[in-house]
Amino acid sequence: MPRVIIASTNAGKVAEIRSALSTPGWAFITVEDLGAEPLEVQETGETFLDNARLKAKAYAQHFGMPALADDSGLEVDALRGAPGVRSARYAGEPGDDRANNARLLSEMEGVPEEARTARFRSVVVLAWPQGRELVAGGVCEGRIGFRPVGTHGFGYDPLFLPDATPGRAMAELDLAEKNTISHRGAALRKLHDLLAEECLA
């Protein structure tokens, strides 16, 4: 059974990835499963694809097995696409969800509801040590709320109101429902189909 190491220590991301990629014949593991330490990969790319590729390749080379990395973030139209690739570190280093949400609300102060459109974007890369890779992406359209609500998820989920679930924030959705409509869920479903093709090849 091929093993794929997930290039993330974010428990929320790992849970979403494992839930979405329940593909027969593939096992998705973490550095903790190997008793190893996570790699410090500098996310210096200008796009989500750049950063996902950097992480996936670094993990694949270091651990000698296929590696899966995600890079994702929030693009707010009123902020000209910010925080974008800086989403996890919007309020500075180290990344902190509460501080990031507070800064976003501050930046959006005075912006009316109709102008609070935004989207979550995700790119996932599965890289092999030999250099081969699979790439998939997904988008979830919505808008920014006026206050955080909900207890599920992570990141900007308490402030993001998906178009697909009117009146409910991403943080009010359970994992199964979130995977159905989220940016990462869309990207992982595309990757799931690519992996299924791998199994049939």
N, C-alpha and C. Protein backbone atom coordinates (compact mmCIF):
# COMPACT_ATOMS: atom_id res chain seq x y z
N MET A 1 0.85 -1.20 0.00
CA MET A 1 0.00 0.00 0.00
C MET A 1 0.89 1.25 0.00
N PRO A 2 0.75 2.13 -1.01
CA PRO A 2 1.55 3.36 -1.01
C PRO A 2 1.22 4.24 0.18
N ARG A 3 2.27 4.76 0.83
CA ARG A 3 2.08 5.69 1.93
C ARG A 3 2.43 7.10 1.45
N VAL A 4 1.60 8.05 1.86
CA VAL A 4 1.79 9.45 1.51
C VAL A 4 1.92 10.23 2.80
N ILE A 5 2.97 11.01 2.94
CA ILE A 5 3.12 11.82 4.13
C ILE A 5 2.48 13.19 3.91
N ILE A 6 1.69 13.62 4.86
CA ILE A 6 1.02 14.91 4.78
C ILE A 6 1.95 15.98 5.33
N ALA A 7 2.27 16.96 4.50
CA ALA A 7 3.24 18.00 4.87
C ALA A 7 2.55 19.11 5.66
N SER A 8 2.04 18.75 6.83
CA SER A 8 1.37 19.73 7.67
C SER A 8 1.30 19.22 9.10
N THR A 9 1.38 20.15 10.05
CA THR A 9 1.14 19.82 11.45
C THR A 9 -0.18 20.41 11.94
N ASN A 10 -0.95 21.01 11.02
CA ASN A 10 -2.25 21.59 11.34
C ASN A 10 -3.26 20.45 11.46
N ALA A 11 -3.73 20.19 12.68
CA ALA A 11 -4.62 19.06 12.91
C ALA A 11 -5.91 19.18 12.10
N GLY A 12 -6.39 20.41 11.92
CA GLY A 12 -7.60 20.60 11.13
C GLY A 12 -7.40 20.21 9.68
N LYS A 13 -6.29 20.63 9.10
CA LYS A 13 -5.99 20.27 7.72
C LYS A 13 -5.83 18.76 7.57
N VAL A 14 -5.09 18.15 8.49
CA VAL A 14 -4.86 16.71 8.41
C VAL A 14 -6.18 15.96 8.46
N ALA A 15 -7.09 16.37 9.33
CA ALA A 15 -8.40 15.71 9.43
C ALA A 15 -9.18 15.86 8.13
N GLU A 16 -9.16 17.05 7.54
CA GLU A 16 -9.89 17.27 6.28
C GLU A 16 -9.30 16.43 5.16
N ILE A 17 -7.97 16.37 5.10
CA ILE A 17 -7.32 15.59 4.04
C ILE A 17 -7.65 14.11 4.18
N ARG A 18 -7.52 13.58 5.38
CA ARG A 18 -7.81 12.16 5.58
C ARG A 18 -9.28 11.84 5.32
N SER A 19 -10.17 12.76 5.68
CA SER A 19 -11.59 12.54 5.45
C SER A 19 -11.92 12.53 3.96
N ALA A 20 -11.30 13.44 3.22
CA ALA A 20 -11.62 13.58 1.79
C ALA A 20 -10.93 12.54 0.92
N LEU A 21 -9.77 12.05 1.35
CA LEU A 21 -8.97 11.15 0.52
C LEU A 21 -9.00 9.71 1.03
N SER A 22 -10.18 9.23 1.32
CA SER A 22 -10.32 7.84 1.76
C SER A 22 -10.30 6.93 0.55
N THR A 23 -9.15 6.95 -0.14
CA THR A 23 -8.99 6.20 -1.38
C THR A 23 -8.41 4.82 -1.09
N PRO A 24 -9.09 3.74 -1.49
CA PRO A 24 -8.55 2.40 -1.25
C PRO A 24 -7.15 2.27 -1.86
N GLY A 25 -6.26 1.67 -1.10
CA GLY A 25 -4.91 1.45 -1.61
C GLY A 25 -3.91 2.53 -1.28
N TRP A 26 -4.37 3.60 -0.60
CA TRP A 26 -3.47 4.68 -0.22
C TRP A 26 -3.58 4.93 1.28
N ALA A 27 -2.45 5.15 1.95
CA ALA A 27 -2.44 5.46 3.38
C ALA A 27 -1.81 6.84 3.57
N PHE A 28 -2.52 7.73 4.26
CA PHE A 28 -2.03 9.10 4.48
C PHE A 28 -1.57 9.22 5.93
N ILE A 29 -0.27 9.50 6.08
CA ILE A 29 0.35 9.51 7.40
C ILE A 29 0.93 10.89 7.69
N THR A 30 1.33 11.09 8.94
CA THR A 30 1.94 12.36 9.35
C THR A 30 3.33 12.09 9.91
N VAL A 31 4.06 13.17 10.17
CA VAL A 31 5.39 13.00 10.77
C VAL A 31 5.27 12.34 12.15
N GLU A 32 4.18 12.61 12.86
CA GLU A 32 3.99 11.99 14.16
C GLU A 32 3.87 10.47 14.03
N ASP A 33 3.21 10.01 12.97
CA ASP A 33 3.10 8.57 12.74
C ASP A 33 4.46 7.92 12.54
N LEU A 34 5.41 8.69 12.01
CA LEU A 34 6.76 8.17 11.77
C LEU A 34 7.68 8.40 12.96
N GLY A 35 7.19 9.11 13.97
CA GLY A 35 8.03 9.45 15.10
C GLY A 35 9.11 10.46 14.72
N ALA A 36 8.82 11.28 13.72
CA ALA A 36 9.79 12.25 13.20
C ALA A 36 9.36 13.66 13.54
N GLU A 37 10.25 14.60 13.26
CA GLU A 37 9.97 16.01 13.48
C GLU A 37 9.53 16.65 12.16
N PRO A 38 8.60 17.62 12.21
CA PRO A 38 8.19 18.31 10.97
C PRO A 38 9.34 19.15 10.41
N LEU A 39 9.31 19.33 9.11
CA LEU A 39 10.32 20.15 8.45
C LEU A 39 9.94 21.62 8.54
N GLU A 40 10.95 22.47 8.63
CA GLU A 40 10.74 23.92 8.58
C GLU A 40 10.94 24.36 7.13
N VAL A 41 9.83 24.48 6.39
CA VAL A 41 9.90 24.87 4.98
C VAL A 41 9.48 26.33 4.86
N GLN A 42 10.35 27.16 4.35
CA GLN A 42 10.05 28.57 4.18
C GLN A 42 9.09 28.75 3.00
N GLU A 43 7.92 29.30 3.27
CA GLU A 43 6.91 29.52 2.23
C GLU A 43 7.18 30.86 1.55
N THR A 44 8.13 30.85 0.63
CA THR A 44 8.59 32.08 -0.03
C THR A 44 7.94 32.30 -1.39
N GLY A 45 7.02 31.43 -1.78
CA GLY A 45 6.39 31.54 -3.09
C GLY A 45 5.44 32.73 -3.19
N GLU A 46 5.16 33.13 -4.41
CA GLU A 46 4.24 34.25 -4.65
C GLU A 46 2.82 33.78 -4.88
N THR A 47 2.62 32.47 -5.02
CA THR A 47 1.29 31.92 -5.24
C THR A 47 1.07 30.73 -4.32
N PHE A 48 -0.19 30.31 -4.18
CA PHE A 48 -0.50 29.12 -3.40
C PHE A 48 0.17 27.89 -4.01
N LEU A 49 0.20 27.81 -5.35
CA LEU A 49 0.86 26.67 -6.00
C LEU A 49 2.33 26.64 -5.66
N ASP A 50 3.00 27.79 -5.72
CA ASP A 50 4.42 27.85 -5.37
C ASP A 50 4.68 27.26 -3.99
N ASN A 51 3.90 27.70 -3.01
CA ASN A 51 4.14 27.28 -1.63
C ASN A 51 3.79 25.81 -1.41
N ALA A 52 2.68 25.35 -2.01
CA ALA A 52 2.33 23.93 -1.88
C ALA A 52 3.41 23.06 -2.50
N ARG A 53 3.93 23.48 -3.63
CA ARG A 53 4.99 22.70 -4.31
C ARG A 53 6.27 22.68 -3.47
N LEU A 54 6.63 23.82 -2.88
CA LEU A 54 7.83 23.87 -2.04
C LEU A 54 7.73 22.85 -0.89
N LYS A 55 6.57 22.83 -0.23
CA LYS A 55 6.40 21.93 0.92
C LYS A 55 6.36 20.47 0.48
N ALA A 56 5.62 20.17 -0.58
CA ALA A 56 5.49 18.79 -1.02
C ALA A 56 6.84 18.23 -1.47
N LYS A 57 7.59 19.00 -2.23
CA LYS A 57 8.90 18.52 -2.70
C LYS A 57 9.87 18.33 -1.55
N ALA A 58 9.87 19.26 -0.60
CA ALA A 58 10.79 19.15 0.54
C ALA A 58 10.50 17.88 1.34
N TYR A 59 9.22 17.61 1.61
CA TYR A 59 8.86 16.43 2.38
C TYR A 59 9.14 15.15 1.60
N ALA A 60 8.85 15.15 0.31
CA ALA A 60 9.09 13.96 -0.52
C ALA A 60 10.57 13.61 -0.55
N GLN A 61 11.43 14.61 -0.72
CA GLN A 61 12.87 14.37 -0.76
C GLN A 61 13.39 13.91 0.60
N HIS A 62 12.93 14.55 1.67
CA HIS A 62 13.46 14.25 3.00
C HIS A 62 13.05 12.86 3.48
N PHE A 63 11.77 12.50 3.27
CA PHE A 63 11.27 11.24 3.80
C PHE A 63 11.30 10.11 2.78
N GLY A 64 11.63 10.41 1.53
CA GLY A 64 11.75 9.38 0.52
C GLY A 64 10.45 8.69 0.18
N MET A 65 9.36 9.42 0.22
CA MET A 65 8.05 8.87 -0.13
C MET A 65 7.18 9.99 -0.71
N PRO A 66 6.07 9.65 -1.37
CA PRO A 66 5.19 10.71 -1.86
C PRO A 66 4.73 11.60 -0.72
N ALA A 67 4.61 12.89 -1.00
CA ALA A 67 4.21 13.85 0.03
C ALA A 67 3.09 14.74 -0.51
N LEU A 68 2.13 15.03 0.35
CA LEU A 68 0.99 15.86 -0.02
C LEU A 68 1.04 17.16 0.77
N ALA A 69 0.98 18.28 0.06
CA ALA A 69 0.97 19.59 0.71
C ALA A 69 -0.17 20.42 0.16
N ASP A 70 -0.72 21.22 1.05
CA ASP A 70 -1.78 22.15 0.68
C ASP A 70 -1.29 23.56 1.00
N ASP A 71 -1.61 24.50 0.12
CA ASP A 71 -1.48 25.90 0.52
C ASP A 71 -2.79 26.57 0.16
N SER A 72 -3.30 27.31 1.10
CA SER A 72 -4.61 27.90 0.89
C SER A 72 -4.69 29.20 1.65
N GLY A 73 -5.69 29.99 1.31
CA GLY A 73 -5.85 31.25 1.99
C GLY A 73 -7.11 31.98 1.56
N LEU A 74 -7.26 33.15 2.12
CA LEU A 74 -8.45 33.96 1.92
C LEU A 74 -8.11 35.15 1.03
N GLU A 75 -8.95 35.39 0.03
CA GLU A 75 -8.80 36.55 -0.86
C GLU A 75 -10.03 37.44 -0.69
N VAL A 76 -9.81 38.65 -0.19
CA VAL A 76 -10.91 39.57 0.08
C VAL A 76 -10.89 40.68 -0.97
N ASP A 77 -12.00 40.83 -1.69
CA ASP A 77 -12.04 41.79 -2.80
C ASP A 77 -11.80 43.23 -2.33
N ALA A 78 -12.39 43.60 -1.20
CA ALA A 78 -12.25 44.96 -0.70
C ALA A 78 -10.81 45.27 -0.28
N LEU A 79 -10.00 44.22 -0.06
CA LEU A 79 -8.60 44.39 0.32
C LEU A 79 -7.66 44.04 -0.83
N ARG A 80 -8.22 44.07 -2.05
CA ARG A 80 -7.44 43.80 -3.27
C ARG A 80 -6.75 42.42 -3.23
N GLY A 81 -7.48 41.45 -2.71
CA GLY A 81 -6.98 40.08 -2.69
C GLY A 81 -6.24 39.68 -1.43
N ALA A 82 -5.99 40.63 -0.53
CA ALA A 82 -5.34 40.29 0.74
C ALA A 82 -6.33 39.53 1.63
N PRO A 83 -5.85 38.72 2.55
CA PRO A 83 -4.45 38.47 2.87
C PRO A 83 -3.73 37.51 1.93
N GLY A 84 -4.45 36.77 1.09
CA GLY A 84 -3.83 35.92 0.07
C GLY A 84 -2.83 34.94 0.63
N VAL A 85 -1.64 34.86 0.01
CA VAL A 85 -0.64 33.89 0.44
C VAL A 85 -0.11 34.19 1.84
N ARG A 86 -0.43 35.37 2.36
CA ARG A 86 -0.02 35.73 3.73
C ARG A 86 -1.11 35.41 4.75
N SER A 87 -2.12 34.66 4.36
CA SER A 87 -3.27 34.43 5.23
C SER A 87 -2.90 33.90 6.61
N ALA A 88 -2.00 32.93 6.67
CA ALA A 88 -1.67 32.32 7.95
C ALA A 88 -0.85 33.25 8.84
N ARG A 89 -0.23 34.26 8.23
CA ARG A 89 0.66 35.16 8.99
C ARG A 89 0.22 36.62 8.83
N TYR A 90 -1.07 36.82 8.62
CA TYR A 90 -1.60 38.16 8.34
C TYR A 90 -1.32 39.14 9.47
N ALA A 91 -1.37 38.65 10.71
CA ALA A 91 -1.13 39.52 11.87
C ALA A 91 0.31 39.44 12.35
N GLY A 92 1.17 38.76 11.58
CA GLY A 92 2.58 38.66 11.95
C GLY A 92 2.97 37.25 12.33
N GLU A 93 4.24 37.08 12.66
CA GLU A 93 4.79 35.79 13.06
C GLU A 93 4.80 35.68 14.59
N PRO A 94 4.58 34.48 15.13
CA PRO A 94 4.08 33.29 14.43
C PRO A 94 2.60 33.44 14.10
N GLY A 95 2.10 32.60 13.19
CA GLY A 95 0.71 32.70 12.80
C GLY A 95 -0.23 32.42 13.97
N ASP A 96 -1.29 33.20 14.07
CA ASP A 96 -2.26 33.05 15.16
C ASP A 96 -3.64 33.35 14.62
N ASP A 97 -4.55 32.36 14.70
CA ASP A 97 -5.89 32.51 14.12
C ASP A 97 -6.64 33.69 14.71
N ARG A 98 -6.61 33.81 16.04
CA ARG A 98 -7.37 34.87 16.69
C ARG A 98 -6.86 36.25 16.26
N ALA A 99 -5.55 36.41 16.21
CA ALA A 99 -4.97 37.69 15.82
C ALA A 99 -5.25 37.99 14.35
N ASN A 100 -5.19 36.97 13.50
CA ASN A 100 -5.48 37.16 12.08
C ASN A 100 -6.92 37.62 11.87
N ASN A 101 -7.85 36.99 12.58
CA ASN A 101 -9.26 37.37 12.47
C ASN A 101 -9.49 38.79 12.97
N ALA A 102 -8.81 39.14 14.05
CA ALA A 102 -8.96 40.49 14.59
C ALA A 102 -8.45 41.52 13.60
N ARG A 103 -7.31 41.24 12.96
CA ARG A 103 -6.80 42.20 11.98
C ARG A 103 -7.75 42.31 10.79
N LEU A 104 -8.27 41.18 10.33
CA LEU A 104 -9.20 41.21 9.19
C LEU A 104 -10.42 42.06 9.52
N LEU A 105 -11.01 41.87 10.68
CA LEU A 105 -12.17 42.67 11.07
C LEU A 105 -11.81 44.15 11.13
N SER A 106 -10.62 44.46 11.61
CA SER A 106 -10.18 45.86 11.68
C SER A 106 -10.04 46.45 10.28
N GLU A 107 -9.44 45.69 9.38
CA GLU A 107 -9.25 46.17 8.00
C GLU A 107 -10.59 46.34 7.27
N MET A 108 -11.59 45.54 7.67
CA MET A 108 -12.89 45.57 7.01
C MET A 108 -13.88 46.52 7.68
N GLU A 109 -13.44 47.22 8.69
CA GLU A 109 -14.33 48.13 9.40
C GLU A 109 -14.88 49.19 8.44
N GLY A 110 -16.20 49.36 8.44
CA GLY A 110 -16.84 50.34 7.58
C GLY A 110 -17.19 49.84 6.19
N VAL A 111 -16.75 48.62 5.83
CA VAL A 111 -17.07 48.06 4.52
C VAL A 111 -18.47 47.46 4.57
N PRO A 112 -19.39 47.92 3.71
CA PRO A 112 -20.78 47.43 3.77
C PRO A 112 -20.90 45.98 3.33
N GLU A 113 -22.00 45.37 3.69
CA GLU A 113 -22.19 43.94 3.44
C GLU A 113 -22.01 43.58 1.97
N GLU A 114 -22.57 44.41 1.07
CA GLU A 114 -22.51 44.07 -0.35
C GLU A 114 -21.09 44.13 -0.91
N ALA A 115 -20.17 44.77 -0.21
CA ALA A 115 -18.79 44.89 -0.68
C ALA A 115 -17.84 43.95 0.05
N ARG A 116 -18.38 43.01 0.84
CA ARG A 116 -17.53 42.14 1.65
C ARG A 116 -17.30 40.78 0.98
N THR A 117 -17.37 40.73 -0.33
CA THR A 117 -17.18 39.48 -1.06
C THR A 117 -15.74 38.99 -0.92
N ALA A 118 -15.61 37.66 -0.89
CA ALA A 118 -14.31 37.04 -0.69
C ALA A 118 -14.37 35.59 -1.15
N ARG A 119 -13.21 34.96 -1.14
CA ARG A 119 -13.18 33.54 -1.48
C ARG A 119 -12.01 32.88 -0.78
N PHE A 120 -12.20 31.62 -0.44
CA PHE A 120 -11.11 30.77 -0.01
C PHE A 120 -10.57 30.07 -1.26
N ARG A 121 -9.25 29.98 -1.37
CA ARG A 121 -8.62 29.29 -2.49
C ARG A 121 -7.63 28.27 -1.95
N SER A 122 -7.60 27.10 -2.56
CA SER A 122 -6.69 26.03 -2.12
C SER A 122 -6.02 25.38 -3.32
N VAL A 123 -4.75 25.05 -3.16
CA VAL A 123 -4.02 24.26 -4.15
C VAL A 123 -3.34 23.12 -3.40
N VAL A 124 -3.51 21.89 -3.87
CA VAL A 124 -2.85 20.74 -3.28
C VAL A 124 -1.88 20.15 -4.30
N VAL A 125 -0.72 19.75 -3.80
CA VAL A 125 0.30 19.13 -4.64
C VAL A 125 0.72 17.81 -4.01
N LEU A 126 0.68 16.75 -4.79
CA LEU A 126 1.21 15.45 -4.39
C LEU A 126 2.49 15.23 -5.18
N ALA A 127 3.63 15.18 -4.48
CA ALA A 127 4.93 15.07 -5.14
C ALA A 127 5.62 13.77 -4.79
N TRP A 128 6.29 13.17 -5.77
CA TRP A 128 7.09 11.99 -5.56
C TRP A 128 8.57 12.37 -5.46
N PRO A 129 9.38 11.59 -4.76
CA PRO A 129 10.81 11.91 -4.64
C PRO A 129 11.51 12.02 -6.00
N GLN A 130 11.01 11.28 -6.99
CA GLN A 130 11.65 11.30 -8.31
C GLN A 130 11.30 12.55 -9.11
N GLY A 131 10.38 13.39 -8.59
CA GLY A 131 10.06 14.64 -9.27
C GLY A 131 8.67 14.71 -9.88
N ARG A 132 7.97 13.58 -9.99
CA ARG A 132 6.62 13.60 -10.55
C ARG A 132 5.67 14.27 -9.57
N GLU A 133 4.58 14.87 -10.09
CA GLU A 133 3.61 15.50 -9.20
C GLU A 133 2.22 15.51 -9.79
N LEU A 134 1.23 15.57 -8.91
CA LEU A 134 -0.16 15.80 -9.27
C LEU A 134 -0.60 17.10 -8.60
N VAL A 135 -1.38 17.91 -9.32
CA VAL A 135 -1.81 19.21 -8.80
C VAL A 135 -3.32 19.34 -8.97
N ALA A 136 -3.98 19.87 -7.94
CA ALA A 136 -5.42 20.13 -8.03
C ALA A 136 -5.74 21.39 -7.22
N GLY A 137 -6.79 22.10 -7.62
CA GLY A 137 -7.16 23.33 -6.93
C GLY A 137 -8.66 23.44 -6.74
N GLY A 138 -9.06 24.31 -5.82
CA GLY A 138 -10.47 24.53 -5.55
C GLY A 138 -10.72 25.92 -4.98
N VAL A 139 -11.95 26.41 -5.15
CA VAL A 139 -12.34 27.74 -4.70
C VAL A 139 -13.70 27.65 -4.00
N CYS A 140 -13.87 28.44 -2.94
CA CYS A 140 -15.16 28.55 -2.26
C CYS A 140 -15.50 30.03 -2.15
N GLU A 141 -16.57 30.47 -2.82
CA GLU A 141 -16.98 31.87 -2.83
C GLU A 141 -17.85 32.17 -1.61
N GLY A 142 -17.74 33.40 -1.13
CA GLY A 142 -18.55 33.82 0.00
C GLY A 142 -18.33 35.28 0.34
N ARG A 143 -18.48 35.62 1.61
CA ARG A 143 -18.26 36.99 2.05
C ARG A 143 -17.79 36.98 3.50
N ILE A 144 -17.31 38.12 3.95
CA ILE A 144 -16.79 38.25 5.30
C ILE A 144 -17.89 38.77 6.23
N GLY A 145 -18.10 38.06 7.35
CA GLY A 145 -19.10 38.48 8.32
C GLY A 145 -18.61 39.66 9.16
N PHE A 146 -19.47 40.12 10.04
CA PHE A 146 -19.14 41.26 10.89
C PHE A 146 -18.62 40.84 12.26
N ARG A 147 -18.74 39.56 12.58
CA ARG A 147 -18.23 39.05 13.86
C ARG A 147 -18.01 37.55 13.72
N PRO A 148 -17.08 37.00 14.50
CA PRO A 148 -16.84 35.55 14.42
C PRO A 148 -17.98 34.75 15.04
N VAL A 149 -18.36 33.66 14.39
CA VAL A 149 -19.38 32.76 14.91
C VAL A 149 -18.96 31.32 14.63
N GLY A 150 -19.44 30.40 15.47
CA GLY A 150 -19.18 28.98 15.27
C GLY A 150 -17.95 28.50 16.02
N THR A 151 -17.89 27.20 16.21
CA THR A 151 -16.81 26.60 16.99
C THR A 151 -16.03 25.54 16.22
N HIS A 152 -16.40 25.28 14.98
CA HIS A 152 -15.70 24.26 14.19
C HIS A 152 -14.63 24.92 13.32
N GLY A 153 -13.81 24.08 12.71
CA GLY A 153 -12.84 24.58 11.75
C GLY A 153 -11.68 25.31 12.39
N PHE A 154 -11.03 26.16 11.59
CA PHE A 154 -9.85 26.87 12.04
C PHE A 154 -9.63 28.06 11.11
N GLY A 155 -8.58 28.83 11.35
CA GLY A 155 -8.27 29.96 10.48
C GLY A 155 -9.39 31.00 10.47
N TYR A 156 -9.79 31.40 9.27
CA TYR A 156 -10.82 32.43 9.10
C TYR A 156 -12.24 31.87 9.05
N ASP A 157 -12.40 30.58 9.34
CA ASP A 157 -13.72 29.94 9.27
C ASP A 157 -14.80 30.69 10.06
N PRO A 158 -14.50 31.25 11.25
CA PRO A 158 -15.56 31.94 12.00
C PRO A 158 -16.06 33.22 11.32
N LEU A 159 -15.29 33.77 10.39
CA LEU A 159 -15.69 35.02 9.74
C LEU A 159 -16.19 34.82 8.31
N PHE A 160 -15.99 33.63 7.77
CA PHE A 160 -16.31 33.41 6.35
C PHE A 160 -17.69 32.79 6.20
N LEU A 161 -18.55 33.47 5.42
CA LEU A 161 -19.92 33.02 5.17
C LEU A 161 -20.01 32.50 3.73
N PRO A 162 -19.94 31.18 3.53
CA PRO A 162 -19.97 30.64 2.17
C PRO A 162 -21.31 30.91 1.48
N ASP A 163 -21.24 31.19 0.18
CA ASP A 163 -22.46 31.37 -0.60
C ASP A 163 -23.32 30.11 -0.56
N ALA A 164 -22.68 28.95 -0.43
CA ALA A 164 -23.38 27.67 -0.49
C ALA A 164 -24.19 27.38 0.78
N THR A 165 -23.92 28.11 1.87
CA THR A 165 -24.65 27.89 3.12
C THR A 165 -25.12 29.24 3.65
N PRO A 166 -26.13 29.85 3.03
CA PRO A 166 -26.57 31.20 3.40
C PRO A 166 -26.86 31.34 4.89
N GLY A 167 -26.30 32.39 5.49
CA GLY A 167 -26.56 32.67 6.89
C GLY A 167 -25.73 31.87 7.87
N ARG A 168 -24.85 31.00 7.38
CA ARG A 168 -24.04 30.16 8.27
C ARG A 168 -22.57 30.35 7.94
N ALA A 169 -21.76 30.52 8.96
CA ALA A 169 -20.32 30.65 8.78
C ALA A 169 -19.69 29.28 8.57
N MET A 170 -18.51 29.26 7.97
CA MET A 170 -17.80 28.01 7.76
C MET A 170 -17.58 27.28 9.09
N ALA A 171 -17.37 28.05 10.17
CA ALA A 171 -17.12 27.45 11.49
C ALA A 171 -18.37 26.85 12.12
N GLU A 172 -19.52 27.00 11.47
CA GLU A 172 -20.76 26.39 11.97
C GLU A 172 -21.06 25.07 11.27
N LEU A 173 -20.18 24.65 10.36
CA LEU A 173 -20.37 23.42 9.61
C LEU A 173 -19.54 22.30 10.22
N ASP A 174 -20.10 21.08 10.25
CA ASP A 174 -19.27 19.96 10.70
C ASP A 174 -18.32 19.57 9.57
N LEU A 175 -17.39 18.66 9.86
CA LEU A 175 -16.34 18.35 8.90
C LEU A 175 -16.88 17.82 7.58
N ALA A 176 -17.88 16.94 7.65
CA ALA A 176 -18.43 16.36 6.43
C ALA A 176 -19.08 17.43 5.56
N GLU A 177 -19.84 18.33 6.18
CA GLU A 177 -20.50 19.39 5.41
C GLU A 177 -19.48 20.37 4.86
N LYS A 178 -18.48 20.70 5.67
CA LYS A 178 -17.44 21.61 5.21
C LYS A 178 -16.71 21.04 4.00
N ASN A 179 -16.35 19.77 4.05
CA ASN A 179 -15.65 19.16 2.92
C ASN A 179 -16.49 19.18 1.64
N THR A 180 -17.80 19.18 1.81
CA THR A 180 -18.69 19.18 0.64
C THR A 180 -18.63 20.49 -0.12
N ILE A 181 -18.42 21.62 0.59
CA ILE A 181 -18.51 22.92 -0.06
C ILE A 181 -17.20 23.72 -0.04
N SER A 182 -16.21 23.25 0.68
CA SER A 182 -15.01 24.08 0.88
C SER A 182 -14.05 24.04 -0.29
N HIS A 183 -13.16 25.02 -0.32
CA HIS A 183 -12.10 25.11 -1.31
C HIS A 183 -11.17 23.91 -1.24
N ARG A 184 -10.77 23.54 -0.02
CA ARG A 184 -9.88 22.39 0.13
C ARG A 184 -10.59 21.11 -0.23
N GLY A 185 -11.88 21.01 0.14
CA GLY A 185 -12.67 19.84 -0.23
C GLY A 185 -12.74 19.67 -1.74
N ALA A 186 -12.94 20.78 -2.46
CA ALA A 186 -13.01 20.72 -3.93
C ALA A 186 -11.67 20.27 -4.51
N ALA A 187 -10.57 20.82 -3.98
CA ALA A 187 -9.25 20.43 -4.49
C ALA A 187 -8.97 18.96 -4.19
N LEU A 188 -9.33 18.51 -3.00
CA LEU A 188 -9.07 17.12 -2.62
C LEU A 188 -9.93 16.14 -3.40
N ARG A 189 -11.16 16.54 -3.75
CA ARG A 189 -11.99 15.66 -4.59
C ARG A 189 -11.35 15.48 -5.96
N LYS A 190 -10.80 16.55 -6.51
CA LYS A 190 -10.12 16.43 -7.80
C LYS A 190 -8.90 15.52 -7.68
N LEU A 191 -8.15 15.68 -6.57
CA LEU A 191 -6.99 14.82 -6.36
C LEU A 191 -7.42 13.38 -6.14
N HIS A 192 -8.53 13.18 -5.43
CA HIS A 192 -9.07 11.84 -5.22
C HIS A 192 -9.32 11.15 -6.55
N ASP A 193 -9.89 11.87 -7.51
CA ASP A 193 -10.15 11.29 -8.83
C ASP A 193 -8.85 10.95 -9.56
N LEU A 194 -7.86 11.83 -9.39
CA LEU A 194 -6.56 11.56 -10.02
C LEU A 194 -5.90 10.32 -9.41
N LEU A 195 -6.03 10.15 -8.09
CA LEU A 195 -5.48 8.99 -7.42
C LEU A 195 -6.21 7.71 -7.84
N ALA A 196 -7.51 7.83 -8.03
CA ALA A 196 -8.29 6.66 -8.49
C ALA A 196 -7.81 6.21 -9.86
N GLU A 197 -7.48 7.17 -10.71
CA GLU A 197 -6.92 6.84 -12.02
C GLU A 197 -5.56 6.15 -11.88
N GLU A 198 -4.78 6.61 -10.87
CA GLU A 198 -3.47 5.97 -10.61
C GLU A 198 -3.66 4.49 -10.27
N CYS A 199 -4.67 4.21 -9.45
CA CYS A 199 -4.91 2.83 -9.03
C CYS A 199 -5.34 1.94 -10.19
N LEU A 200 -6.00 2.55 -11.16
CA LEU A 200 -6.50 1.77 -12.31
C LEU A 200 -5.44 1.63 -13.39
N ALA A 201 -4.42 2.47 -13.33
CA ALA A 201 -3.39 2.46 -14.38
C ALA A 201 -2.54 1.19 -14.31
